Amino acid sequence: MFHALREPRAVSVLHHLALGTRDVARLAHFYIDVLELPEVTRHLHADGSLRSVWLDLGGALLMIESTNEPPRMVVGIGSGPFLIAVTVTAEQRGAFEGRLALAGSVVESRSEFTSYLRDPDGNRIAISAYPLAGLVRR
């Protein structure tokens, strides 16, 4: 059977990222309190327990979702998703490193523009002041 080729659709905006966790409230509080991501909404299970918290990730959503699965530790560049990086200014970077340290997240490594750490579940995160001007169409 012959299938006509279609023009590919351009994907231009990230819709959401989702993190599974055994403790939605704890992980959501980290991203809200430490990285200052605003809460958009929360969802409950039928029994009233917390199922998910959705946060504003600069126009996309970061969905913190309930799971019974244990956390997976990714070291370095792993197969599949291995890092969530958020933008900070060069002037904010040190202050965010301090806030993260107070929350128990130790800087594992640094580059000229980016600091690499872990959230409470061990997910690798980064705060980056890498200049995006000229790289990304807005």
C-alpha atoms as a PDB file:
ATOM      1  CA  MET A   1       0.000   0.000   0.000  1.00  0.00           C
ATOM      2  CA  PHE A   2       1.319   3.442  -0.934  1.00  0.00           C
ATOM      3  CA  HIS A   3       1.361   6.174   1.726  1.00  0.00           C
ATOM      4  CA  ALA A   4       1.782   9.766   0.630  1.00  0.00           C
ATOM      5  CA  LEU A   5       4.567  11.665   2.365  1.00  0.00           C
ATOM      6  CA  ARG A   6       3.319  14.450   4.582  1.00  0.00           C
ATOM      7  CA  GLU A   7       5.022  17.703   5.349  1.00  0.00           C
ATOM      8  CA  PRO A   8       6.424  17.485   8.872  1.00  0.00           C
ATOM      9  CA  ARG A   9       4.810  19.744  11.441  1.00  0.00           C
ATOM     10  CA  ALA A  10       7.149  22.082  13.230  1.00  0.00           C
ATOM     11  CA  VAL A  11       7.193  21.731  16.987  1.00  0.00           C
ATOM     12  CA  SER A  12       8.101  25.085  18.406  1.00  0.00           C
ATOM     13  CA  VAL A  13       7.026  25.115  22.046  1.00  0.00           C
ATOM     14  CA  LEU A  14       7.592  22.614  24.843  1.00  0.00           C
ATOM     15  CA  HIS A  15       4.230  21.645  26.364  1.00  0.00           C
ATOM     16  CA  HIS A  16       5.335  19.840  29.550  1.00  0.00           C
ATOM     17  CA  LEU A  17       7.878  17.706  31.337  1.00  0.00           C
ATOM     18  CA  ALA A  18       6.731  15.178  33.918  1.00  0.00           C
ATOM     19  CA  LEU A  19       8.555  13.765  36.935  1.00  0.00           C
ATOM     20  CA  GLY A  20       7.285  10.725  38.789  1.00  0.00           C
ATOM     21  CA  THR A  21       7.803  10.595  42.537  1.00  0.00           C
ATOM     22  CA  ARG A  22       6.658   8.667  45.582  1.00  0.00           C
ATOM     23  CA  ASP A  23       6.268  11.988  47.473  1.00  0.00           C
ATOM     24  CA  VAL A  24       4.544  14.587  45.289  1.00  0.00           C
ATOM     25  CA  ALA A  25       4.274  17.225  48.036  1.00  0.00           C
ATOM     26  CA  ARG A  26       7.971  17.053  48.978  1.00  0.00           C
ATOM     27  CA  LEU A  27       9.235  17.247  45.412  1.00  0.00           C
ATOM     28  CA  ALA A  28       6.758  19.982  44.435  1.00  0.00           C
ATOM     29  CA  HIS A  29       7.765  22.066  47.455  1.00  0.00           C
ATOM     30  CA  PHE A  30      11.416  21.837  46.370  1.00  0.00           C
ATOM     31  CA  TYR A  31      10.652  23.234  42.913  1.00  0.00           C
ATOM     32  CA  ILE A  32       8.261  25.863  44.335  1.00  0.00           C
ATOM     33  CA  ASP A  33      10.315  26.995  47.337  1.00  0.00           C
ATOM     34  CA  VAL A  34      13.864  26.634  46.024  1.00  0.00           C
ATOM     35  CA  LEU A  35      13.598  27.210  42.273  1.00  0.00           C
ATOM     36  CA  GLU A  36      10.594  29.557  42.611  1.00  0.00           C
ATOM     37  CA  LEU A  37       8.410  27.822  40.014  1.00  0.00           C
ATOM     38  CA  PRO A  38       4.796  29.001  40.420  1.00  0.00           C
ATOM     39  CA  GLU A  39       2.126  26.388  41.098  1.00  0.00           C
ATOM     40  CA  VAL A  40      -0.520  26.214  38.362  1.00  0.00           C
ATOM     41  CA  THR A  41      -2.843  23.500  39.695  1.00  0.00           C
ATOM     42  CA  ARG A  42      -2.987  20.288  41.691  1.00  0.00           C
ATOM     43  CA  HIS A  43      -4.941  17.075  41.206  1.00  0.00           C
ATOM     44  CA  LEU A  44      -6.196  14.565  43.767  1.00  0.00           C
ATOM     45  CA  HIS A  45      -6.824  10.830  43.692  1.00  0.00           C
ATOM     46  CA  ALA A  46     -10.422   9.664  44.306  1.00  0.00           C
ATOM     47  CA  ASP A  47      -9.526   9.148  47.992  1.00  0.00           C
ATOM     48  CA  GLY A  48      -8.451  12.812  48.302  1.00  0.00           C
ATOM     49  CA  SER A  49      -4.699  12.165  48.428  1.00  0.00           C
ATOM     50  CA  LEU A  50      -2.385  14.252  46.294  1.00  0.00           C
ATOM     51  CA  ARG A  51      -1.889  12.816  42.777  1.00  0.00           C
ATOM     52  CA  SER A  52      -0.001  15.641  41.045  1.00  0.00           C
ATOM     53  CA  VAL A  53       1.139  19.240  41.200  1.00  0.00           C
ATOM     54  CA  TRP A  54       1.680  21.194  37.985  1.00  0.00           C
ATOM     55  CA  LEU A  55       4.170  24.050  37.959  1.00  0.00           C
ATOM     56  CA  ASP A  56       4.848  26.837  35.458  1.00  0.00           C
ATOM     57  CA  LEU A  57       8.188  26.157  33.806  1.00  0.00           C
ATOM     58  CA  GLY A  58       8.413  29.428  31.890  1.00  0.00           C
ATOM     59  CA  GLY A  59       5.451  28.765  29.617  1.00  0.00           C
ATOM     60  CA  ALA A  60       5.653  24.974  29.684  1.00  0.00           C
ATOM     61  CA  LEU A  61       4.502  22.828  32.599  1.00  0.00           C
ATOM     62  CA  LEU A  62       6.536  20.733  35.004  1.00  0.00           C
ATOM     63  CA  MET A  63       4.163  18.003  36.170  1.00  0.00           C
ATOM     64  CA  ILE A  64       5.096  16.320  39.449  1.00  0.00           C
ATOM     65  CA  GLU A  65       3.173  13.031  39.295  1.00  0.00           C
ATOM     66  CA  SER A  66       2.586  10.289  41.864  1.00  0.00           C
ATOM     67  CA  THR A  67       4.155   6.882  41.243  1.00  0.00           C
ATOM     68  CA  ASN A  68       4.994   3.796  43.260  1.00  0.00           C
ATOM     69  CA  GLU A  69       8.219   3.285  41.311  1.00  0.00           C
ATOM     70  CA  PRO A  70      11.526   4.039  43.072  1.00  0.00           C
ATOM     71  CA  PRO A  71      13.662   6.954  41.834  1.00  0.00           C
ATOM     72  CA  ARG A  72      16.173   6.257  39.043  1.00  0.00           C
ATOM     73  CA  MET A  73      19.634   7.729  39.354  1.00  0.00           C
ATOM     74  CA  VAL A  74      21.131   9.008  36.115  1.00  0.00           C
ATOM     75  CA  VAL A  75      24.837   9.746  36.180  1.00  0.00           C
ATOM     76  CA  GLY A  76      26.317  11.905  33.440  1.00  0.00           C
ATOM     77  CA  ILE A  77      24.662  11.756  30.063  1.00  0.00           C
ATOM     78  CA  GLY A  78      22.335   8.767  30.112  1.00  0.00           C
ATOM     79  CA  SER A  79      20.021   7.346  27.516  1.00  0.00           C
ATOM     80  CA  GLY A  80      16.751   9.250  27.379  1.00  0.00           C
ATOM     81  CA  PRO A  81      16.040  12.289  29.558  1.00  0.00           C
ATOM     82  CA  PHE A  82      18.902  12.959  31.952  1.00  0.00           C
ATOM     83  CA  LEU A  83      18.662  16.611  33.002  1.00  0.00           C
ATOM     84  CA  ILE A  84      16.246  19.475  33.605  1.00  0.00           C
ATOM     85  CA  ALA A  85      17.907  22.873  33.173  1.00  0.00           C
ATOM     86  CA  VAL A  86      16.329  26.183  34.127  1.00  0.00           C
ATOM     87  CA  THR A  87      17.485  29.653  33.173  1.00  0.00           C
ATOM     88  CA  VAL A  88      18.888  32.083  35.710  1.00  0.00           C
ATOM     89  CA  THR A  89      20.835  35.274  35.163  1.00  0.00           C
ATOM     90  CA  ALA A  90      24.572  35.291  35.805  1.00  0.00           C
ATOM     91  CA  GLU A  91      23.870  37.539  38.800  1.00  0.00           C
ATOM     92  CA  GLN A  92      21.273  35.109  40.228  1.00  0.00           C
ATOM     93  CA  ARG A  93      23.390  31.976  39.840  1.00  0.00           C
ATOM     94  CA  GLY A  94      25.301  32.295  43.124  1.00  0.00           C
ATOM     95  CA  ALA A  95      22.149  33.067  45.114  1.00  0.00           C
ATOM     96  CA  PHE A  96      20.380  30.034  43.639  1.00  0.00           C
ATOM     97  CA  GLU A  97      23.401  27.839  44.433  1.00  0.00           C
ATOM     98  CA  GLY A  98      23.120  29.041  48.036  1.00  0.00           C
ATOM     99  CA  ARG A  99      19.386  28.317  48.197  1.00  0.00           C
ATOM    100  CA  LEU A 100      19.940  24.873  46.705  1.00  0.00           C
ATOM    101  CA  ALA A 101      22.714  24.138  49.212  1.00  0.00           C
ATOM    102  CA  LEU A 102      20.389  25.078  52.097  1.00  0.00           C
ATOM    103  CA  ALA A 103      17.852  22.632  50.636  1.00  0.00           C
ATOM    104  CA  GLY A 104      20.475  19.857  50.614  1.00  0.00           C
ATOM    105  CA  SER A 105      21.408  20.020  46.921  1.00  0.00           C
ATOM    106  CA  VAL A 106      25.171  20.076  46.550  1.00  0.00           C
ATOM    107  CA  VAL A 107      26.731  21.358  43.331  1.00  0.00           C
ATOM    108  CA  GLU A 108      28.158  18.273  41.613  1.00  0.00           C
ATOM    109  CA  SER A 109      29.898  20.171  38.838  1.00  0.00           C
ATOM    110  CA  ARG A 110      30.063  23.548  37.134  1.00  0.00           C
ATOM    111  CA  SER A 111      30.806  24.886  33.705  1.00  0.00           C
ATOM    112  CA  GLU A 112      31.332  28.509  32.762  1.00  0.00           C
ATOM    113  CA  PHE A 113      27.580  29.162  32.677  1.00  0.00           C
ATOM    114  CA  THR A 114      25.880  26.196  34.401  1.00  0.00           C
ATOM    115  CA  SER A 115      25.770  24.537  37.835  1.00  0.00           C
ATOM    116  CA  TYR A 116      24.655  20.884  38.088  1.00  0.00           C
ATOM    117  CA  LEU A 117      22.835  19.511  41.143  1.00  0.00           C
ATOM    118  CA  ARG A 118      20.116  17.021  42.167  1.00  0.00           C
ATOM    119  CA  ASP A 119      16.573  17.468  43.396  1.00  0.00           C
ATOM    120  CA  PRO A 120      15.374  15.520  46.489  1.00  0.00           C
ATOM    121  CA  ASP A 121      14.586  12.436  44.344  1.00  0.00           C
ATOM    122  CA  GLY A 122      18.031  12.462  42.749  1.00  0.00           C
ATOM    123  CA  ASN A 123      16.900  13.866  39.394  1.00  0.00           C
ATOM    124  CA  ARG A 124      19.738  15.804  37.805  1.00  0.00           C
ATOM    125  CA  ILE A 125      18.957  19.502  37.493  1.00  0.00           C
ATOM    126  CA  ALA A 126      20.907  22.516  36.321  1.00  0.00           C
ATOM    127  CA  ILE A 127      20.736  26.248  36.734  1.00  0.00           C
ATOM    128  CA  SER A 128      22.131  27.894  33.644  1.00  0.00           C
ATOM    129  CA  ALA A 129      23.037  31.444  32.678  1.00  0.00           C
ATOM    130  CA  TYR A 130      24.075  30.387  29.186  1.00  0.00           C
ATOM    131  CA  PRO A 131      23.066  33.211  26.821  1.00  0.00           C
ATOM    132  CA  LEU A 132      20.227  32.057  24.578  1.00  0.00           C
ATOM    133  CA  ALA A 133      20.017  35.255  22.522  1.00  0.00           C
ATOM    134  CA  GLY A 134      20.511  34.363  18.887  1.00  0.00           C
ATOM    135  CA  LEU A 135      20.176  30.607  19.521  1.00  0.00           C
ATOM    136  CA  VAL A 136      16.453  30.330  20.185  1.00  0.00           C
ATOM    137  CA  ARG A 137      13.680  32.036  18.261  1.00  0.00           C
ATOM    138  CA  ARG A 138      11.134  33.547  20.581  1.00  0.00           C
END
